[in-house]
Amino acid sequence: MSDPDGNPIDEGGEPLVYLHGGFGGIFPRIEEALEGKPVGAQLELKLQPDEAFGEYDASLVTIEPLSAFPENVEAGMQFERVGEGQDEERLYTITEISEDKVVVDGNHPLAGVPLVFECVVTDVRAASEEELAHGHVHGAHAHQH
């Protein structure tokens, strides 16, 4: 995966393994493009932000008092919480710390970024009943129980 200028975002060191069929393990547009592809098929897709990690939402950036954080707080730290007007937990990243303020961003780091996704299908197999029941792949390079 790279940005439109060819700068690598993820060089694919580990295989991407997912359960095909709308289980949410991969972006829907990629899953649609992979439908019916045999082993050896190559794919290159350009994804707009709304097809990947979403548009950047400035309302998810807040400035909070430094006193609300532990003493060892550093830029780059992340935490989960339910934000105002949200139903689900979201991952927040501390992006900046100044004298007495902390900038907290609830956007995915790749929000607003178009992506170029390239892959080669290296294996296709039927899902086990257990995988279907759990909604994700088990085994090598996948979810472990």
Protein backbone atom coordinates (compact mmCIF):
# COMPACT_ATOMS: atom_id res chain seq x y z
CA MET A 1 0.00 0.00 0.00
CA SER A 2 1.30 3.45 -0.88
CA ASP A 3 0.11 7.01 -1.17
CA PRO A 4 -0.61 8.42 -4.66
CA ASP A 5 2.99 9.71 -4.89
CA GLY A 6 4.34 6.18 -4.47
CA ASN A 7 5.51 6.62 -0.88
CA PRO A 8 5.13 3.25 0.88
CA ILE A 9 2.65 3.04 3.74
CA ASP A 10 2.73 -0.74 4.22
CA GLU A 11 5.17 -2.78 2.19
CA GLY A 12 3.25 -6.00 2.77
CA GLY A 13 5.83 -7.85 4.83
CA GLU A 14 3.08 -10.05 6.24
CA PRO A 15 0.36 -11.61 4.10
CA LEU A 16 -3.06 -10.00 4.30
CA VAL A 17 -5.43 -12.78 5.29
CA TYR A 18 -9.16 -12.17 5.56
CA LEU A 19 -12.51 -13.96 5.47
CA HIS A 20 -14.25 -13.12 2.17
CA GLY A 21 -17.97 -12.45 2.20
CA GLY A 22 -18.64 -9.15 3.95
CA PHE A 23 -17.10 -9.90 7.35
CA GLY A 24 -15.30 -6.54 7.46
CA GLY A 25 -11.73 -7.85 7.41
CA ILE A 26 -10.78 -5.78 4.37
CA PHE A 27 -12.07 -2.60 2.71
CA PRO A 28 -15.27 -3.41 0.79
CA ARG A 29 -13.94 -2.04 -2.52
CA ILE A 30 -10.92 -4.35 -2.32
CA GLU A 31 -13.09 -7.31 -1.42
CA GLU A 32 -15.33 -6.57 -4.42
CA ALA A 33 -12.29 -6.39 -6.73
CA LEU A 34 -10.96 -9.71 -5.37
CA GLU A 35 -14.27 -11.54 -5.89
CA GLY A 36 -13.64 -14.68 -7.95
CA LYS A 37 -9.94 -13.96 -8.52
CA PRO A 38 -7.75 -17.06 -8.82
CA VAL A 39 -4.33 -17.67 -7.28
CA GLY A 40 -1.78 -15.59 -9.17
CA ALA A 41 -4.18 -12.74 -9.97
CA GLN A 42 -2.65 -9.28 -9.56
CA LEU A 43 -4.64 -6.27 -8.48
CA GLU A 44 -4.00 -2.54 -8.23
CA LEU A 45 -6.70 -0.26 -6.86
CA LYS A 46 -6.76 3.43 -6.10
CA LEU A 47 -8.90 4.06 -3.04
CA GLN A 48 -10.30 7.45 -2.13
CA PRO A 49 -10.36 8.31 1.59
CA ASP A 50 -14.06 7.43 1.92
CA GLU A 51 -13.23 3.93 0.58
CA ALA A 52 -10.40 3.42 3.08
CA PHE A 53 -9.88 5.12 6.45
CA GLY A 54 -12.42 7.88 5.94
CA GLU A 55 -12.26 11.60 5.45
CA TYR A 56 -10.36 13.68 7.99
CA ASP A 57 -12.80 15.02 10.58
CA ALA A 58 -11.54 18.18 12.29
CA SER A 59 -14.23 17.79 14.98
CA LEU A 60 -12.32 14.73 16.28
CA VAL A 61 -9.37 16.95 17.25
CA THR A 62 -9.57 18.47 20.72
CA ILE A 63 -7.30 20.50 22.94
CA GLU A 64 -7.35 19.37 26.52
CA PRO A 65 -5.59 20.51 29.71
CA LEU A 66 -2.28 18.81 30.40
CA SER A 67 -3.46 18.29 33.97
CA ALA A 68 -6.00 15.71 32.70
CA PHE A 69 -3.15 13.36 31.69
CA PRO A 70 -0.54 11.38 33.62
CA GLU A 71 2.89 12.96 34.14
CA ASN A 72 4.57 10.65 31.63
CA VAL A 73 2.31 11.69 28.71
CA GLU A 74 4.13 11.94 25.37
CA ALA A 75 3.18 12.79 21.79
CA GLY A 76 2.35 9.60 19.92
CA MET A 77 0.68 7.87 22.87
CA GLN A 78 -2.74 6.43 22.16
CA PHE A 79 -5.79 5.62 24.23
CA GLU A 80 -9.35 4.48 23.67
CA ARG A 81 -12.46 6.29 24.82
CA VAL A 82 -16.00 7.11 23.81
CA GLY A 83 -16.03 10.66 22.51
CA GLU A 84 -18.81 13.18 22.81
CA GLY A 85 -21.75 12.17 20.59
CA GLN A 86 -20.23 8.77 19.78
CA ASP A 87 -21.56 5.30 20.54
CA GLU A 88 -18.35 3.29 20.18
CA GLU A 89 -14.85 3.54 21.57
CA ARG A 90 -12.40 5.28 19.27
CA LEU A 91 -8.62 5.27 19.29
CA TYR A 92 -7.19 8.71 20.05
CA THR A 93 -3.61 9.81 19.46
CA ILE A 94 -1.80 12.56 21.33
CA THR A 95 -0.32 14.62 18.52
CA GLU A 96 1.15 17.59 20.35
CA ILE A 97 1.94 18.77 23.87
CA SER A 98 2.59 22.39 24.72
CA GLU A 99 3.01 24.24 28.01
CA ASP A 100 -0.32 23.26 29.55
CA LYS A 101 -2.31 21.83 26.64
CA VAL A 102 -2.51 18.46 24.87
CA VAL A 103 -3.80 18.03 21.31
CA VAL A 104 -5.77 14.79 20.95
CA ASP A 105 -6.81 13.44 17.53
CA GLY A 106 -9.49 10.77 17.05
CA ASN A 107 -8.86 10.40 13.31
CA HIS A 108 -7.09 7.33 11.96
CA PRO A 109 -3.54 8.39 10.99
CA LEU A 110 -4.45 7.69 7.33
CA ALA A 111 -7.79 9.53 7.39
CA GLY A 112 -8.10 11.81 4.39
CA VAL A 113 -5.31 10.02 2.51
CA PRO A 114 -5.99 8.38 -0.86
CA LEU A 115 -4.31 4.96 -1.08
CA VAL A 116 -2.93 2.75 -3.81
CA PHE A 117 -3.40 -0.92 -2.93
CA GLU A 118 -1.45 -3.57 -4.84
CA CYS A 119 -1.59 -7.31 -4.24
CA VAL A 120 -1.12 -10.76 -5.70
CA VAL A 121 -3.52 -13.53 -4.69
CA THR A 122 -1.30 -16.25 -3.24
CA ASP A 123 -3.90 -18.62 -1.81
CA VAL A 124 -7.64 -19.18 -1.81
CA ARG A 125 -9.40 -21.73 0.37
CA ALA A 126 -12.80 -22.43 1.82
CA ALA A 127 -13.43 -21.08 5.31
CA SER A 128 -13.92 -23.53 8.14
CA GLU A 129 -17.23 -23.62 9.99
CA GLU A 130 -15.46 -22.23 13.06
CA GLU A 131 -14.08 -19.29 11.05
CA LEU A 132 -17.52 -18.54 9.65
CA ALA A 133 -19.03 -18.69 13.14
CA HIS A 134 -16.34 -16.35 14.53
CA GLY A 135 -16.33 -14.04 11.50
CA HIS A 136 -12.56 -14.11 10.98
CA VAL A 137 -9.72 -16.30 9.72
CA HIS A 138 -7.81 -18.58 12.11
CA GLY A 139 -4.29 -19.90 11.72
CA ALA A 140 -1.04 -18.53 10.33
CA HIS A 141 -1.02 -14.73 9.78
CA ALA A 142 -4.54 -14.46 11.17
CA HIS A 143 -6.46 -14.36 14.46
CA GLN A 144 -5.18 -16.72 17.14
CA HIS A 145 -7.32 -18.06 20.00
